[in-house]
């Protein structure tokens, strides 16, 4: 995650996810190389249960096994699930299955339904078939939904989205069938094949009105985070240039917002929508949402915990260079070195302590009829320049002895100092299209000039 930063502890929290995936990859390699695949598949589930046991507060216990409802019939049907989260303080364990060699998380336990707070099904890949299988398992709770804990929720955990499945909109449509499952809230996809730094968060929610065009956002299901069309303009504004892309903004310090980039695939039917959101922060968001669901906190509750947020570097999109010749319908500026500065000189060089202060002025002429906003300091300062008018900007900068590597006087008498000058502008009417003029300036002993 080069260029990323985050909330305190984000590196450690991300390390947890990488450790989980590394262990899962080891287990999945065993599945590939050995004929008995079921047992090793159970090992994948056991490792996730181990992680949940270490992560969740001690009052919650995690097991695989059976939910035992109060049903008065002679049916021998047992309700088995991959992950059962239950009240670890008050729930009795009706029985345990597994031999002495089984790990604690490899054993099955039978838990009374009223003590069950959450159920999750685990699948290795996000495919339509796996979604169908997981939802069918979760739907078994309809037989005794009125007996489950009042904070009960259910969901799915997928390890991978493979690129070969990335354009199959049947997957997200199948996920929406979770709206019929009691307590279904969504789930998580721990990794996307083309960007293993991002995590998919599956959410299902109610909607009032939605544009029919939104239903077209379900392909592809995922995109690499660093390829998303989100950037800073020359003026420092956040811009999003493609459908399905968004950003979570967090006020992390005075006058500073940090950004988590996101990609969204959504599909809706009637008044329900399924949302598949990809972000580097979604592992922590899944854990926060799980904790909140267990505690019965609503989605927008101010008491929800916060940890592990990851923020992305957002690059500045450089303005297009102004064309060499004026085109009809576009503004056009010309810049030159101004000769009417201090003492009618283009350049002044003064000493200040051990440093040297260099001053010169630039004249900007608007050769079009369009008013523009101009700046040469990333819009920390700016000014209006009307059509057919000129503006003069005085520039000063400090040169330290260490900047040149030798005596400044010798440098100026030799090849001189060369640096870049960049002016950016945009027209006040119409779209905020940025244009730039870039010039190299060389300063020698008593002279300043533009050079190629």
Protein backbone atom coordinates (compact mmCIF):
# COMPACT_ATOMS: atom_id res chain seq x y z
CA UNK A 1 0.00 0.00 0.00
CA UNK A 2 2.60 2.52 -1.10
CA UNK A 3 1.50 6.10 -0.57
CA UNK A 4 -1.25 5.14 1.89
CA UNK A 5 -1.60 6.32 5.46
CA UNK A 6 -4.34 5.95 8.01
CA UNK A 7 -5.93 6.00 11.39
CA UNK A 8 -3.72 4.96 14.31
CA UNK A 9 -3.04 1.22 14.10
CA UNK A 10 -4.04 0.86 10.45
CA UNK A 11 -0.80 -0.94 9.50
CA UNK A 12 -1.26 -3.52 12.24
CA UNK A 13 -4.91 -4.05 11.34
CA UNK A 14 -4.03 -4.49 7.68
CA UNK A 15 -1.32 -6.93 8.75
CA UNK A 16 -4.05 -9.06 10.35
CA UNK A 17 -5.87 -9.35 7.04
CA UNK A 18 -2.66 -10.24 5.20
CA UNK A 19 -1.92 -12.93 7.77
CA UNK A 20 -5.41 -14.36 7.33
CA UNK A 21 -5.00 -14.44 3.54
CA UNK A 22 -1.52 -15.97 3.77
CA UNK A 23 -2.86 -18.78 5.93
CA UNK A 24 -5.86 -19.25 3.65
CA UNK A 25 -3.56 -19.45 0.62
CA UNK A 26 -1.53 -22.14 2.38
CA UNK A 27 -4.68 -24.11 3.13
CA UNK A 28 -6.05 -23.67 -0.39
CA UNK A 29 -2.76 -24.94 -1.81
CA UNK A 30 -3.26 -28.10 0.21
CA UNK A 31 -6.79 -28.38 -1.18
CA UNK A 32 -5.36 -28.27 -4.71
CA UNK A 33 -2.65 -30.84 -4.12
CA UNK A 34 -4.56 -33.41 -2.08
CA UNK A 35 -7.56 -35.55 -3.00
CA UNK A 36 -9.53 -34.97 0.24
CA UNK A 37 -10.74 -31.40 -0.24
CA UNK A 38 -13.65 -31.19 2.22
CA UNK A 39 -11.51 -31.45 5.33
CA UNK A 40 -9.16 -28.76 4.13
CA UNK A 41 -12.11 -26.54 3.23
CA UNK A 42 -13.18 -26.88 6.82
CA UNK A 43 -9.70 -25.78 7.82
CA UNK A 44 -10.27 -22.49 5.96
CA UNK A 45 -13.44 -21.93 7.96
CA UNK A 46 -11.64 -22.89 11.18
CA UNK A 47 -8.96 -20.27 10.60
CA UNK A 48 -11.57 -17.55 10.11
CA UNK A 49 -13.31 -18.67 13.30
CA UNK A 50 -9.94 -18.48 15.08
CA UNK A 51 -9.46 -14.91 13.87
CA UNK A 52 -12.98 -13.92 14.93
CA UNK A 53 -12.46 -15.48 18.36
CA UNK A 54 -9.30 -13.41 18.86
CA UNK A 55 -10.92 -10.22 17.54
CA UNK A 56 -14.35 -10.19 19.18
CA UNK A 57 -14.94 -9.29 22.87
CA UNK A 58 -14.87 -12.27 25.23
CA UNK A 59 -18.63 -12.12 25.78
CA UNK A 60 -19.05 -13.46 22.23
CA UNK A 61 -18.06 -17.01 21.39
CA UNK A 62 -17.47 -18.42 17.91
CA UNK A 63 -18.00 -21.96 16.70
CA UNK A 64 -19.09 -24.10 13.82
CA UNK A 65 -21.93 -26.43 14.47
CA UNK A 66 -25.63 -26.59 15.06
CA UNK A 67 -28.32 -24.12 16.00
CA UNK A 68 -30.89 -25.96 18.11
CA UNK A 69 -34.36 -24.41 18.06
CA UNK A 70 -37.31 -25.38 20.21
CA UNK A 71 -39.33 -27.45 17.74
CA UNK A 72 -41.92 -30.02 18.79
CA UNK A 73 -41.75 -32.64 16.11
CA UNK A 74 -39.92 -35.87 15.52
CA UNK A 75 -37.77 -34.48 12.69
CA UNK A 76 -34.11 -35.38 12.89
CA UNK A 77 -33.12 -32.32 10.85
CA UNK A 78 -30.07 -30.49 12.18
CA UNK A 79 -29.25 -26.90 11.25
CA UNK A 80 -25.51 -26.71 10.62
CA UNK A 81 -23.64 -23.47 9.82
CA UNK A 82 -20.00 -22.53 9.15
CA UNK A 83 -19.76 -19.72 11.70
CA UNK A 84 -22.06 -19.24 14.68
CA UNK A 85 -21.49 -16.26 16.97
CA UNK A 86 -23.32 -16.69 20.25
CA UNK A 87 -23.58 -15.38 23.80
CA UNK A 88 -20.41 -16.77 25.32
CA UNK A 89 -21.40 -15.86 28.88
CA UNK A 90 -24.90 -17.30 29.17
CA UNK A 91 -25.32 -19.87 26.39
CA UNK A 92 -25.08 -23.55 27.28
CA UNK A 93 -23.30 -25.85 24.83
CA UNK A 94 -25.73 -28.72 24.37
CA UNK A 95 -23.08 -31.04 22.94
CA UNK A 96 -19.70 -31.00 21.22
CA UNK A 97 -18.55 -33.11 18.28
CA UNK A 98 -14.92 -33.77 17.40
CA UNK A 99 -12.13 -36.03 18.55
CA UNK A 100 -9.30 -35.13 20.90
CA UNK A 101 -7.02 -34.28 17.98
CA UNK A 102 -9.37 -31.61 16.63
CA UNK A 103 -8.44 -27.99 17.28
CA UNK A 104 -10.87 -26.05 19.42
CA UNK A 105 -12.10 -24.19 16.32
CA UNK A 106 -12.39 -27.46 14.38
CA UNK A 107 -15.04 -28.85 16.71
CA UNK A 108 -18.80 -28.62 16.25
CA UNK A 109 -20.97 -27.26 19.06
CA UNK A 110 -24.73 -27.25 19.45
CA UNK A 111 -26.11 -23.87 20.60
CA UNK A 112 -29.73 -23.06 21.57
CA UNK A 113 -31.28 -20.70 19.02
CA UNK A 114 -32.14 -17.96 21.52
CA UNK A 115 -28.43 -17.44 22.29
CA UNK A 116 -27.35 -17.15 18.62
CA UNK A 117 -26.47 -13.56 17.65
CA UNK A 118 -25.02 -14.02 14.15
CA UNK A 119 -24.47 -16.69 11.50
CA UNK A 120 -22.06 -16.54 8.56
CA UNK A 121 -21.42 -18.90 5.69
CA UNK A 122 -17.89 -19.07 4.21
CA UNK A 123 -17.05 -19.68 0.55
CA UNK A 124 -13.69 -19.62 -1.19
CA UNK A 125 -14.84 -17.71 -4.31
CA UNK A 126 -17.50 -15.16 -5.10
CA UNK A 127 -19.49 -16.98 -7.78
CA UNK A 128 -23.20 -17.23 -8.50
CA UNK A 129 -23.26 -20.87 -7.44
CA UNK A 130 -21.52 -20.15 -4.14
CA UNK A 131 -23.88 -17.24 -3.45
CA UNK A 132 -26.86 -19.52 -4.08
CA UNK A 133 -25.49 -22.21 -1.77
CA UNK A 134 -24.68 -19.74 1.03
CA UNK A 135 -28.08 -18.04 0.90
CA UNK A 136 -29.90 -21.40 0.90
CA UNK A 137 -28.04 -22.38 4.07
CA UNK A 138 -28.81 -19.05 5.79
CA UNK A 139 -32.45 -19.33 4.76
CA UNK A 140 -32.85 -22.41 6.97
CA UNK A 141 -33.31 -20.06 9.93
CA UNK A 142 -36.79 -19.19 8.65
CA UNK A 143 -38.00 -22.29 10.51
CA UNK A 144 -37.19 -20.67 13.85
CA UNK A 145 -36.40 -16.99 13.17
CA UNK A 146 -38.64 -15.88 16.05
CA UNK A 147 -36.39 -17.74 18.51
CA UNK A 148 -33.08 -16.04 17.59
CA UNK A 149 -31.44 -13.27 19.62
CA UNK A 150 -33.06 -9.84 19.13
CA UNK A 151 -29.78 -8.52 17.63
CA UNK A 152 -29.47 -11.44 15.20
CA UNK A 153 -27.88 -10.87 11.80
CA UNK A 154 -26.47 -13.11 9.09
CA UNK A 155 -24.05 -12.79 6.20
CA UNK A 156 -21.51 -14.32 3.85
CA UNK A 157 -17.71 -14.32 3.74
CA UNK A 158 -15.97 -14.91 0.41
CA UNK A 159 -12.20 -15.21 0.11
CA UNK A 160 -11.65 -14.18 -3.52
CA UNK A 161 -13.21 -12.50 -6.50
CA UNK A 162 -11.39 -13.86 -9.55
CA UNK A 163 -11.02 -11.69 -12.62
CA UNK A 164 -12.76 -14.37 -14.70
CA UNK A 165 -15.93 -13.69 -12.66
CA UNK A 166 -15.60 -9.92 -12.56
CA UNK A 167 -18.08 -9.14 -15.35
CA UNK A 168 -20.78 -11.61 -14.31
CA UNK A 169 -23.68 -9.44 -13.24
CA UNK A 170 -25.59 -12.61 -12.36
CA UNK A 171 -23.46 -12.68 -9.17
CA UNK A 172 -24.68 -9.37 -7.82
CA UNK A 173 -28.24 -10.15 -8.88
CA UNK A 174 -28.02 -13.40 -6.95
CA UNK A 175 -26.70 -11.54 -3.89
CA UNK A 176 -29.82 -9.37 -3.92
CA UNK A 177 -31.86 -12.50 -3.18
CA UNK A 178 -30.48 -12.09 0.32
CA UNK A 179 -33.29 -9.57 0.84
CA UNK A 180 -35.56 -12.56 1.42
CA UNK A 181 -33.30 -14.05 4.11
CA UNK A 182 -34.11 -13.28 7.72
CA UNK A 183 -31.50 -10.96 9.24
CA UNK A 184 -29.30 -10.86 6.13
CA UNK A 185 -27.05 -7.79 6.20
CA UNK A 186 -24.39 -8.59 3.59
CA UNK A 187 -20.82 -9.69 4.12
CA UNK A 188 -17.28 -9.30 2.84
CA UNK A 189 -14.96 -10.36 0.01
CA UNK A 190 -11.45 -10.48 1.42
CA UNK A 191 -9.56 -10.05 -1.84
CA UNK A 192 -9.89 -9.11 -5.52
CA UNK A 193 -7.49 -10.91 -7.84
CA UNK A 194 -6.34 -7.78 -9.72
CA UNK A 195 -5.80 -5.72 -6.55
CA UNK A 196 -5.23 -7.66 -3.36
CA UNK A 197 -5.10 -4.43 -1.32
CA UNK A 198 -8.83 -3.77 -1.65
CA UNK A 199 -11.69 -5.52 0.12
CA UNK A 200 -15.30 -5.85 -1.00
CA UNK A 201 -18.03 -4.92 1.47
CA UNK A 202 -21.47 -6.35 0.66
CA UNK A 203 -24.44 -4.37 1.99
CA UNK A 204 -28.17 -4.60 1.48
CA UNK A 205 -30.40 -1.64 2.18
CA UNK A 206 -33.75 -0.02 1.57
CA UNK A 207 -34.18 2.64 -1.09
CA UNK A 208 -36.89 5.14 -1.86
CA UNK A 209 -36.11 6.31 -5.38
CA UNK A 210 -33.33 5.29 -7.68
CA UNK A 211 -32.47 6.21 -11.23
CA UNK A 212 -32.94 3.21 -13.52
CA UNK A 213 -29.53 4.00 -14.98
CA UNK A 214 -27.97 3.06 -11.64
CA UNK A 215 -28.73 -0.59 -12.35
CA UNK A 216 -26.12 -0.47 -15.09
CA UNK A 217 -23.35 0.00 -12.51
CA UNK A 218 -23.09 -3.70 -11.76
CA UNK A 219 -20.30 -4.39 -14.27
CA UNK A 220 -17.47 -4.83 -13.63
CA UNK A 221 -17.94 -5.95 -10.04
CA UNK A 222 -14.52 -4.59 -9.00
CA UNK A 223 -11.71 -2.32 -10.19
CA UNK A 224 -8.16 -1.76 -8.90
CA UNK A 225 -8.18 1.16 -6.48
CA UNK A 226 -5.23 2.97 -8.08
CA UNK A 227 -6.94 2.89 -11.50
CA UNK A 228 -10.04 4.77 -10.34
CA UNK A 229 -10.82 8.13 -11.94
CA UNK A 230 -10.41 10.26 -8.83
CA UNK A 231 -7.89 13.08 -8.58
CA UNK A 232 -7.17 16.61 -7.38
CA UNK A 233 -7.53 19.48 -9.80
CA UNK A 234 -4.88 22.17 -10.12
CA UNK A 235 -6.96 24.19 -7.68
CA UNK A 236 -6.97 21.37 -5.13
CA UNK A 237 -10.60 20.27 -5.56
CA UNK A 238 -11.44 16.57 -5.51
CA UNK A 239 -12.80 15.41 -8.87
CA UNK A 240 -14.41 12.08 -9.81
CA UNK A 241 -14.41 11.34 -13.52
CA UNK A 242 -16.23 7.99 -13.90
CA UNK A 243 -19.41 6.22 -12.84
CA UNK A 244 -19.26 3.91 -9.87
CA UNK A 245 -16.36 5.72 -8.22
CA UNK A 246 -16.66 7.50 -4.90
CA UNK A 247 -14.67 8.69 -1.92
CA UNK A 248 -15.08 8.65 1.83
CA UNK A 249 -13.83 11.94 3.29
CA UNK A 250 -12.66 12.17 6.89
CA UNK A 251 -11.81 15.43 8.65
CA UNK A 252 -8.47 14.32 10.11
CA UNK A 253 -6.99 17.72 11.01
CA UNK A 254 -7.71 21.42 10.74
CA UNK A 255 -8.58 22.34 7.15
CA UNK A 256 -7.50 18.90 5.96
CA UNK A 257 -9.63 16.07 4.62
CA UNK A 258 -8.26 12.57 4.10
CA UNK A 259 -9.67 10.34 1.37
CA UNK A 260 -10.48 6.64 1.04
CA UNK A 261 -11.08 5.79 -2.61
CA UNK A 262 -14.01 3.51 -3.40
CA UNK A 263 -15.49 1.61 -6.30
CA UNK A 264 -19.17 0.67 -6.18
CA UNK A 265 -21.28 -1.89 -8.00
CA UNK A 266 -24.99 -1.75 -7.18
CA UNK A 267 -28.15 -3.51 -8.28
CA UNK A 268 -31.71 -2.88 -7.16
CA UNK A 269 -35.14 -4.42 -7.46
CA UNK A 270 -38.21 -2.78 -5.99
CA UNK A 271 -37.27 -1.05 -2.77
CA UNK A 272 -34.13 -3.10 -2.02
CA UNK A 273 -30.60 -2.67 -3.33
CA UNK A 274 -27.41 -4.68 -3.02
CA UNK A 275 -24.20 -2.72 -2.81
CA UNK A 276 -20.71 -4.15 -3.46
CA UNK A 277 -18.21 -1.52 -2.34
CA UNK A 278 -14.42 -1.88 -2.78
CA UNK A 279 -11.99 0.05 -0.62
CA UNK A 280 -8.76 -0.43 1.29
CA UNK A 281 -10.67 0.46 4.44
CA UNK A 282 -13.34 -2.21 4.10
CA UNK A 283 -11.71 -4.85 6.28
CA UNK A 284 -12.02 -2.48 9.23
CA UNK A 285 -15.50 -1.41 8.11
CA UNK A 286 -16.66 -5.03 8.03
CA UNK A 287 -15.32 -5.57 11.54
CA UNK A 288 -16.92 -2.33 12.78
CA UNK A 289 -20.26 -3.25 11.19
CA UNK A 290 -20.08 -6.74 12.70
CA UNK A 291 -19.38 -5.37 16.18
CA UNK A 292 -22.20 -2.84 15.80
CA UNK A 293 -24.65 -5.53 14.65
CA UNK A 294 -23.75 -7.76 17.61
CA UNK A 295 -24.36 -4.83 19.96
CA UNK A 296 -27.61 -3.90 18.19
CA UNK A 297 -26.33 -0.46 17.13
CA UNK A 298 -27.99 1.10 14.06
CA UNK A 299 -25.93 1.95 10.98
CA UNK A 300 -25.62 5.66 11.81
CA UNK A 301 -25.19 5.38 15.59
CA UNK A 302 -22.59 7.84 16.92
CA UNK A 303 -21.36 5.20 19.39
CA UNK A 304 -20.08 2.92 16.61
CA UNK A 305 -16.36 2.23 17.08
CA UNK A 306 -13.75 3.53 14.67
CA UNK A 307 -10.40 1.93 13.86
CA UNK A 308 -8.16 0.80 11.02
CA UNK A 309 -9.28 3.41 8.46
CA UNK A 310 -6.93 3.54 5.44
CA UNK A 311 -6.47 6.74 3.45
CA UNK A 312 -5.23 6.86 -0.13
CA UNK A 313 -2.87 9.20 -1.87
CA UNK A 314 -4.79 11.28 -4.42
CA UNK A 315 -2.65 12.54 -7.27
CA UNK A 316 -3.00 15.99 -8.73
CA UNK A 317 -4.07 15.93 -12.37
CA UNK A 318 -1.87 18.37 -14.26
CA UNK A 319 -3.59 20.84 -16.54
CA UNK A 320 -3.30 20.44 -20.27
CA UNK A 321 -0.67 22.65 -21.83
CA UNK A 322 -1.91 25.67 -23.72
CA UNK A 323 -1.50 25.20 -27.46
CA UNK A 324 1.16 27.16 -29.27
CA UNK A 325 -1.37 29.14 -31.31
CA UNK A 326 -4.65 30.74 -30.31
CA UNK A 327 -7.71 28.65 -31.15
CA UNK A 328 -11.15 30.18 -31.70
CA UNK A 329 -13.43 29.89 -28.68
CA UNK A 330 -10.61 29.37 -26.15
CA UNK A 331 -8.68 31.78 -23.93
CA UNK A 332 -5.04 32.40 -24.79
CA UNK A 333 -2.29 33.89 -22.64
CA UNK A 334 1.22 35.06 -23.39
CA UNK A 335 3.93 35.51 -20.76
CA UNK A 336 7.12 37.54 -20.90
CA UNK A 337 9.73 38.87 -18.50
CA UNK A 338 8.76 42.35 -17.34
CA UNK A 339 11.38 45.04 -17.72
CA UNK A 340 9.77 47.74 -15.57
CA UNK A 341 10.52 46.26 -12.17
CA UNK A 342 12.70 47.65 -9.42
CA UNK A 343 15.14 50.19 -10.87
CA UNK A 344 13.77 49.39 -14.33
CA UNK A 345 15.59 46.07 -14.35
CA UNK A 346 14.34 42.60 -15.18
CA UNK A 347 16.28 41.14 -12.28
CA UNK A 348 17.55 42.15 -8.83
CA UNK A 349 19.86 40.06 -6.66
CA UNK A 350 20.28 41.00 -2.99
CA UNK A 351 22.09 39.45 -0.05
CA UNK A 352 20.27 38.62 3.15
CA UNK A 353 22.42 37.11 5.90
CA UNK A 354 24.07 34.08 4.25
CA UNK A 355 21.32 33.74 1.65
CA UNK A 356 20.65 35.46 -1.66
CA UNK A 357 17.24 36.89 -2.63
CA UNK A 358 16.44 36.88 -6.36
CA UNK A 359 13.54 38.99 -7.62
CA UNK A 360 12.03 39.41 -11.06
CA UNK A 361 8.62 40.11 -12.61
CA UNK A 362 6.51 38.27 -15.16
CA UNK A 363 3.98 39.99 -17.43
CA UNK A 364 0.89 37.96 -18.37
CA UNK A 365 -1.19 39.17 -21.32
CA UNK A 366 -4.67 37.85 -22.02
CA UNK A 367 -4.85 37.91 -25.82
CA UNK A 368 -8.43 36.64 -25.91
CA UNK A 369 -11.82 38.11 -24.98
CA UNK A 370 -12.41 35.60 -22.13
CA UNK A 371 -11.89 36.48 -18.49
CA UNK A 372 -9.66 33.94 -16.72
CA UNK A 373 -8.43 33.16 -13.21
CA UNK A 374 -4.65 32.81 -13.08
CA UNK A 375 -2.21 31.45 -10.51
CA UNK A 376 1.42 30.39 -10.37
CA UNK A 377 1.44 28.92 -6.84
CA UNK A 378 -1.15 26.09 -7.04
CA UNK A 379 -3.94 28.59 -6.36
CA UNK A 380 -2.72 29.57 -2.91
CA UNK A 381 -3.19 33.01 -4.46
CA UNK A 382 -4.98 33.91 -7.67
CA UNK A 383 -6.36 36.86 -9.58
CA UNK A 384 -8.82 37.68 -12.34
CA UNK A 385 -7.46 38.72 -15.70
CA UNK A 386 -9.97 40.26 -18.07
CA UNK A 387 -9.85 39.83 -21.83
CA UNK A 388 -7.26 41.99 -23.62
CA UNK A 389 -5.67 42.99 -20.29
CA UNK A 390 -2.29 42.45 -18.68
CA UNK A 391 -1.15 41.50 -15.20
CA UNK A 392 2.27 41.72 -13.59
CA UNK A 393 3.47 39.26 -11.00
CA UNK A 394 6.64 39.86 -8.95
CA UNK A 395 8.42 36.69 -7.93
CA UNK A 396 11.08 36.35 -5.26
CA UNK A 397 12.88 33.29 -3.97
CA UNK A 398 15.69 32.57 -1.59
CA UNK A 399 18.88 30.77 -2.65
CA UNK A 400 20.90 29.11 0.11
CA UNK A 401 24.62 28.40 -0.32
CA UNK A 402 23.87 24.65 -0.26
CA UNK A 403 21.40 24.93 -3.17
CA UNK A 404 24.09 25.45 -5.81
CA UNK A 405 26.86 23.27 -4.42
CA UNK A 406 29.34 26.10 -4.92
CA UNK A 407 29.69 29.85 -4.68
CA UNK A 408 26.56 31.52 -6.15
CA UNK A 409 28.63 34.20 -7.86
CA UNK A 410 30.61 31.52 -9.69
CA UNK A 411 27.37 29.74 -10.65
CA UNK A 412 25.84 32.91 -12.10
CA UNK A 413 29.01 33.69 -14.06
CA UNK A 414 29.01 30.15 -15.42
CA UNK A 415 25.95 28.31 -16.70
CA UNK A 416 23.68 30.16 -14.30
CA UNK A 417 20.63 28.95 -12.39
CA UNK A 418 17.81 27.26 -14.35
CA UNK A 419 14.37 26.64 -12.88
CA UNK A 420 10.83 26.10 -14.13
CA UNK A 421 8.02 28.64 -14.05
CA UNK A 422 4.47 27.40 -14.37
CA UNK A 423 1.28 29.44 -14.73
CA UNK A 424 -2.17 27.80 -14.60
CA UNK A 425 -5.48 29.38 -15.54
CA UNK A 426 -9.12 28.60 -16.26
CA UNK A 427 -11.95 30.63 -17.89
CA UNK A 428 -14.60 32.04 -15.58
CA UNK A 429 -17.41 31.08 -17.98
CA UNK A 430 -18.36 27.52 -18.88
CA UNK A 431 -16.62 24.39 -17.63
CA UNK A 432 -13.68 24.77 -15.28
CA UNK A 433 -11.05 23.59 -17.76
CA UNK A 434 -7.49 24.18 -16.59
CA UNK A 435 -4.66 25.18 -18.92
CA UNK A 436 -0.98 25.63 -18.17
CA UNK A 437 1.98 27.54 -19.56
CA UNK A 438 5.42 26.20 -18.64
CA UNK A 439 8.71 27.99 -19.20
CA UNK A 440 12.31 27.38 -18.17
CA UNK A 441 14.04 30.47 -16.84
CA UNK A 442 17.82 30.90 -16.66
CA UNK A 443 19.43 33.48 -14.41
CA UNK A 444 23.03 34.46 -15.04
CA UNK A 445 25.17 37.31 -13.78
CA UNK A 446 22.84 40.31 -14.20
CA UNK A 447 20.54 38.67 -16.77
CA UNK A 448 17.38 36.57 -16.91
CA UNK A 449 15.84 34.89 -19.96
CA UNK A 450 13.47 32.17 -21.12
CA UNK A 451 15.28 29.12 -22.46
CA UNK A 452 14.06 25.98 -24.21
